[in-house]
N, C-alpha and C. Protein backbone atom coordinates (compact mmCIF):
# COMPACT_ATOMS: atom_id res chain seq x y z
N MET A 1 -23.81 -15.46 13.62
CA MET A 1 -24.70 -14.43 14.08
C MET A 1 -24.63 -13.24 13.14
N ARG A 2 -25.74 -12.71 12.82
CA ARG A 2 -25.80 -11.52 11.98
C ARG A 2 -25.85 -10.31 12.91
N GLY A 3 -24.79 -9.52 12.91
CA GLY A 3 -24.67 -8.43 13.88
C GLY A 3 -24.99 -7.07 13.29
N ILE A 4 -24.96 -6.10 14.18
CA ILE A 4 -25.14 -4.70 13.81
C ILE A 4 -23.83 -4.19 13.25
N ARG A 5 -23.89 -3.38 12.19
CA ARG A 5 -22.68 -2.85 11.57
C ARG A 5 -22.80 -1.34 11.40
N TYR A 6 -21.68 -0.67 11.64
CA TYR A 6 -21.57 0.77 11.44
C TYR A 6 -20.41 1.01 10.48
N VAL A 7 -20.56 1.99 9.61
CA VAL A 7 -19.50 2.32 8.66
C VAL A 7 -19.17 3.80 8.80
N MET A 8 -17.89 4.10 8.96
CA MET A 8 -17.45 5.49 8.94
C MET A 8 -16.92 5.79 7.56
N ARG A 9 -17.35 6.91 7.00
CA ARG A 9 -16.95 7.30 5.65
C ARG A 9 -16.25 8.65 5.67
N ARG A 10 -15.33 8.80 4.75
CA ARG A 10 -14.66 10.08 4.52
C ARG A 10 -14.66 10.30 3.02
N ASP A 11 -15.21 11.42 2.60
CA ASP A 11 -15.36 11.72 1.16
C ASP A 11 -16.08 10.57 0.45
N GLU A 12 -17.09 10.05 1.10
CA GLU A 12 -17.94 8.97 0.59
C GLU A 12 -17.24 7.63 0.45
N ASN A 13 -15.99 7.53 0.89
CA ASN A 13 -15.26 6.26 0.88
C ASN A 13 -15.23 5.68 2.28
N PRO A 14 -15.44 4.37 2.42
CA PRO A 14 -15.41 3.78 3.76
C PRO A 14 -14.01 3.84 4.37
N VAL A 15 -13.95 4.22 5.64
CA VAL A 15 -12.69 4.25 6.39
C VAL A 15 -12.59 3.00 7.25
N TRP A 16 -13.69 2.68 7.96
CA TRP A 16 -13.74 1.47 8.77
C TRP A 16 -15.18 0.99 8.90
N THR A 17 -15.28 -0.28 9.27
CA THR A 17 -16.57 -0.90 9.57
C THR A 17 -16.48 -1.50 10.97
N LEU A 18 -17.43 -1.16 11.82
CA LEU A 18 -17.49 -1.69 13.17
C LEU A 18 -18.69 -2.62 13.25
N SER A 19 -18.46 -3.85 13.68
CA SER A 19 -19.57 -4.79 13.81
C SER A 19 -19.61 -5.35 15.23
N ILE A 20 -20.82 -5.54 15.72
CA ILE A 20 -21.03 -6.14 17.03
C ILE A 20 -21.11 -7.64 16.81
N ARG A 21 -20.29 -8.38 17.54
CA ARG A 21 -20.13 -9.80 17.27
C ARG A 21 -20.79 -10.71 18.28
N SER A 22 -21.54 -10.18 19.24
CA SER A 22 -22.23 -11.04 20.21
C SER A 22 -23.57 -10.42 20.59
N LEU A 23 -24.49 -11.25 21.03
CA LEU A 23 -25.82 -10.78 21.38
C LEU A 23 -25.81 -9.79 22.53
N VAL A 24 -24.89 -9.94 23.46
CA VAL A 24 -24.83 -9.05 24.61
C VAL A 24 -23.81 -7.93 24.41
N ARG A 25 -23.38 -7.72 23.20
CA ARG A 25 -22.48 -6.63 22.82
C ARG A 25 -21.15 -6.69 23.55
N LYS A 26 -20.65 -7.89 23.76
CA LYS A 26 -19.39 -8.09 24.46
C LYS A 26 -18.20 -8.08 23.52
N ARG A 27 -18.41 -8.40 22.27
CA ARG A 27 -17.31 -8.46 21.30
C ARG A 27 -17.63 -7.57 20.09
N HIS A 28 -16.60 -6.87 19.66
CA HIS A 28 -16.71 -6.00 18.49
C HIS A 28 -15.53 -6.27 17.56
N ARG A 29 -15.77 -6.07 16.27
CA ARG A 29 -14.68 -6.16 15.29
C ARG A 29 -14.66 -4.87 14.51
N LEU A 30 -13.47 -4.30 14.40
CA LEU A 30 -13.26 -3.04 13.69
C LEU A 30 -12.32 -3.31 12.52
N ARG A 31 -12.86 -3.19 11.31
CA ARG A 31 -12.05 -3.43 10.10
C ARG A 31 -11.77 -2.11 9.41
N PHE A 32 -10.49 -1.75 9.38
CA PHE A 32 -10.07 -0.57 8.63
C PHE A 32 -9.86 -0.98 7.18
N THR A 33 -10.17 -0.08 6.26
CA THR A 33 -10.00 -0.42 4.85
C THR A 33 -8.53 -0.55 4.48
N ASP A 34 -7.63 0.10 5.25
CA ASP A 34 -6.22 0.04 4.88
C ASP A 34 -5.27 -0.21 6.04
N ALA A 35 -5.79 -0.56 7.23
CA ALA A 35 -4.88 -0.68 8.37
C ALA A 35 -5.19 -1.87 9.28
N GLY A 36 -5.75 -2.93 8.76
CA GLY A 36 -5.94 -4.13 9.56
C GLY A 36 -7.26 -4.20 10.28
N THR A 37 -7.40 -5.26 11.09
CA THR A 37 -8.63 -5.56 11.81
C THR A 37 -8.36 -5.63 13.31
N TRP A 38 -9.16 -4.91 14.06
CA TRP A 38 -9.10 -4.91 15.51
C TRP A 38 -10.22 -5.80 16.05
N THR A 39 -9.97 -6.44 17.19
CA THR A 39 -10.99 -7.19 17.92
C THR A 39 -11.05 -6.60 19.32
N PHE A 40 -12.25 -6.27 19.77
CA PHE A 40 -12.44 -5.68 21.09
C PHE A 40 -13.23 -6.63 21.97
N ASP A 41 -12.74 -6.86 23.17
CA ASP A 41 -13.46 -7.59 24.20
C ASP A 41 -13.97 -6.53 25.16
N THR A 42 -15.27 -6.35 25.21
CA THR A 42 -15.86 -5.22 25.93
C THR A 42 -16.90 -5.70 26.93
N PRO A 43 -16.47 -6.23 28.08
CA PRO A 43 -17.45 -6.70 29.06
C PRO A 43 -18.24 -5.56 29.68
N PHE A 44 -17.67 -4.36 29.79
CA PHE A 44 -18.35 -3.17 30.28
C PHE A 44 -18.99 -3.33 31.65
N TYR A 45 -18.24 -3.88 32.54
CA TYR A 45 -18.60 -3.87 33.95
C TYR A 45 -17.54 -3.07 34.66
N SER A 46 -17.90 -2.34 35.70
CA SER A 46 -16.96 -1.42 36.33
C SER A 46 -15.76 -2.13 36.93
N TRP A 47 -15.88 -3.41 37.25
CA TRP A 47 -14.77 -4.12 37.86
C TRP A 47 -13.92 -4.88 36.83
N GLN A 48 -14.25 -4.80 35.56
CA GLN A 48 -13.49 -5.51 34.54
C GLN A 48 -12.91 -4.54 33.55
N GLN A 49 -11.86 -4.98 32.89
CA GLN A 49 -11.24 -4.16 31.87
C GLN A 49 -11.76 -4.54 30.50
N PHE A 50 -11.62 -3.61 29.55
CA PHE A 50 -11.87 -3.95 28.15
C PHE A 50 -10.53 -3.88 27.43
N SER A 51 -10.48 -4.54 26.29
CA SER A 51 -9.21 -4.60 25.57
C SER A 51 -9.46 -4.62 24.07
N GLY A 52 -8.42 -4.23 23.34
CA GLY A 52 -8.46 -4.27 21.88
C GLY A 52 -7.18 -4.87 21.35
N SER A 53 -7.32 -5.74 20.38
CA SER A 53 -6.17 -6.41 19.78
C SER A 53 -6.15 -6.14 18.29
N LEU A 54 -4.95 -5.95 17.77
CA LEU A 54 -4.74 -5.77 16.33
C LEU A 54 -3.92 -6.95 15.86
N ALA A 55 -4.47 -7.71 14.92
CA ALA A 55 -3.82 -8.92 14.40
C ALA A 55 -3.43 -9.87 15.54
N GLY A 56 -4.29 -9.97 16.57
CA GLY A 56 -4.06 -10.89 17.67
C GLY A 56 -3.16 -10.39 18.77
N ALA A 57 -2.55 -9.22 18.62
CA ALA A 57 -1.66 -8.67 19.64
C ALA A 57 -2.36 -7.54 20.39
N PRO A 58 -2.37 -7.59 21.73
CA PRO A 58 -3.04 -6.54 22.51
C PRO A 58 -2.40 -5.17 22.25
N LYS A 59 -3.24 -4.19 21.94
CA LYS A 59 -2.76 -2.84 21.65
C LYS A 59 -3.50 -1.77 22.44
N LEU A 60 -4.65 -2.12 23.06
CA LEU A 60 -5.46 -1.17 23.80
C LEU A 60 -5.96 -1.86 25.06
N VAL A 61 -5.84 -1.21 26.20
CA VAL A 61 -6.41 -1.71 27.46
C VAL A 61 -7.07 -0.56 28.18
N GLY A 62 -8.11 -0.86 28.94
CA GLY A 62 -8.79 0.19 29.69
C GLY A 62 -9.87 -0.37 30.57
N HIS A 63 -10.59 0.54 31.21
CA HIS A 63 -11.74 0.14 32.02
C HIS A 63 -12.74 1.28 32.10
N VAL A 64 -13.93 0.93 32.52
CA VAL A 64 -15.00 1.90 32.69
C VAL A 64 -14.97 2.35 34.15
N GLY A 65 -15.03 3.65 34.37
CA GLY A 65 -15.14 4.12 35.75
C GLY A 65 -14.27 5.31 36.03
N PRO A 66 -14.51 5.93 37.11
CA PRO A 66 -15.28 5.52 38.28
C PRO A 66 -16.80 5.54 38.07
N SER A 67 -17.31 6.25 37.08
CA SER A 67 -18.72 6.12 36.73
C SER A 67 -18.79 5.58 35.31
N LYS A 68 -19.95 5.12 34.91
CA LYS A 68 -20.02 4.52 33.57
C LYS A 68 -19.96 5.55 32.45
N GLN A 69 -19.96 6.84 32.79
CA GLN A 69 -19.79 7.88 31.79
C GLN A 69 -18.33 8.03 31.37
N ILE A 70 -17.42 7.47 32.15
CA ILE A 70 -15.99 7.69 31.92
C ILE A 70 -15.30 6.40 31.51
N TRP A 71 -14.57 6.45 30.42
CA TRP A 71 -13.72 5.36 29.99
C TRP A 71 -12.29 5.82 30.13
N LEU A 72 -11.47 5.02 30.75
CA LEU A 72 -10.04 5.28 30.85
C LEU A 72 -9.34 4.17 30.08
N PHE A 73 -8.50 4.55 29.11
CA PHE A 73 -7.82 3.52 28.34
C PHE A 73 -6.51 4.06 27.78
N GLY A 74 -5.66 3.13 27.42
CA GLY A 74 -4.39 3.48 26.79
C GLY A 74 -4.23 2.69 25.51
N VAL A 75 -3.60 3.33 24.55
CA VAL A 75 -3.36 2.71 23.24
C VAL A 75 -1.87 2.80 22.95
N GLU A 76 -1.29 1.77 22.39
CA GLU A 76 0.11 1.85 22.00
C GLU A 76 0.30 3.02 21.05
N PRO A 77 1.35 3.80 21.25
CA PRO A 77 1.54 5.05 20.49
C PRO A 77 1.50 4.87 18.96
N ASN A 78 2.04 3.81 18.45
CA ASN A 78 2.04 3.64 16.99
C ASN A 78 0.69 3.20 16.44
N CYS A 79 -0.29 2.96 17.31
CA CYS A 79 -1.62 2.53 16.88
C CYS A 79 -2.68 3.60 17.07
N GLU A 80 -2.36 4.64 17.81
CA GLU A 80 -3.36 5.66 18.13
C GLU A 80 -3.62 6.56 16.94
N THR A 81 -4.86 6.53 16.47
CA THR A 81 -5.29 7.39 15.37
C THR A 81 -6.64 8.00 15.72
N ASN A 82 -6.98 9.07 15.07
CA ASN A 82 -8.30 9.68 15.29
C ASN A 82 -9.41 8.73 14.87
N ASP A 83 -9.17 7.94 13.83
CA ASP A 83 -10.19 7.00 13.37
C ASP A 83 -10.44 5.90 14.41
N LEU A 84 -9.38 5.40 15.04
CA LEU A 84 -9.54 4.41 16.10
C LEU A 84 -10.28 5.02 17.28
N LEU A 85 -9.91 6.23 17.67
CA LEU A 85 -10.58 6.89 18.79
C LEU A 85 -12.06 7.14 18.48
N ALA A 86 -12.38 7.44 17.23
CA ALA A 86 -13.78 7.63 16.84
C ALA A 86 -14.56 6.33 17.00
N ALA A 87 -13.96 5.21 16.65
CA ALA A 87 -14.63 3.92 16.78
C ALA A 87 -14.85 3.57 18.25
N VAL A 88 -13.85 3.81 19.10
CA VAL A 88 -14.00 3.54 20.53
C VAL A 88 -15.07 4.46 21.12
N ALA A 89 -15.11 5.71 20.69
CA ALA A 89 -16.16 6.63 21.15
C ALA A 89 -17.54 6.14 20.73
N LEU A 90 -17.66 5.59 19.53
CA LEU A 90 -18.94 5.06 19.08
C LEU A 90 -19.36 3.86 19.93
N MET A 91 -18.40 2.98 20.26
CA MET A 91 -18.73 1.85 21.13
C MET A 91 -19.23 2.36 22.49
N HIS A 92 -18.57 3.38 23.04
CA HIS A 92 -18.99 3.94 24.32
C HIS A 92 -20.39 4.54 24.22
N ARG A 93 -20.63 5.31 23.19
CA ARG A 93 -21.95 5.92 22.99
C ARG A 93 -23.05 4.86 22.90
N ASN A 94 -22.80 3.84 22.11
CA ASN A 94 -23.80 2.79 21.94
C ASN A 94 -24.04 2.04 23.25
N TRP A 95 -22.96 1.76 23.99
CA TRP A 95 -23.10 1.06 25.27
C TRP A 95 -23.85 1.93 26.26
N TRP A 96 -23.52 3.21 26.31
CA TRP A 96 -24.16 4.15 27.23
C TRP A 96 -25.67 4.23 26.98
N ARG A 97 -26.07 4.18 25.72
CA ARG A 97 -27.50 4.29 25.38
C ARG A 97 -28.24 2.96 25.37
N TRP A 98 -27.52 1.85 25.47
CA TRP A 98 -28.15 0.53 25.37
C TRP A 98 -28.96 0.23 26.56
């Protein structure tokens, strides 16, 4: 599948690339230029959780709610970066507007 891709740049250099990996926007892949690849399972239903894995190991868990404007999630402390949070915020923004 040829998906939608977003690139975040800093000083004109790519920091990460976020790609949507399914037609219903349930899976995302986040590739950092220097810090590995994340895979996100994002069902985005209020009764289900979303998750993010780095190199196959779960590192982020959360859920949408109590309203769909609010995401509650936790990230392992050694993985939390502003760049990761920016990518999660972009996924939320895109989902909210979809």
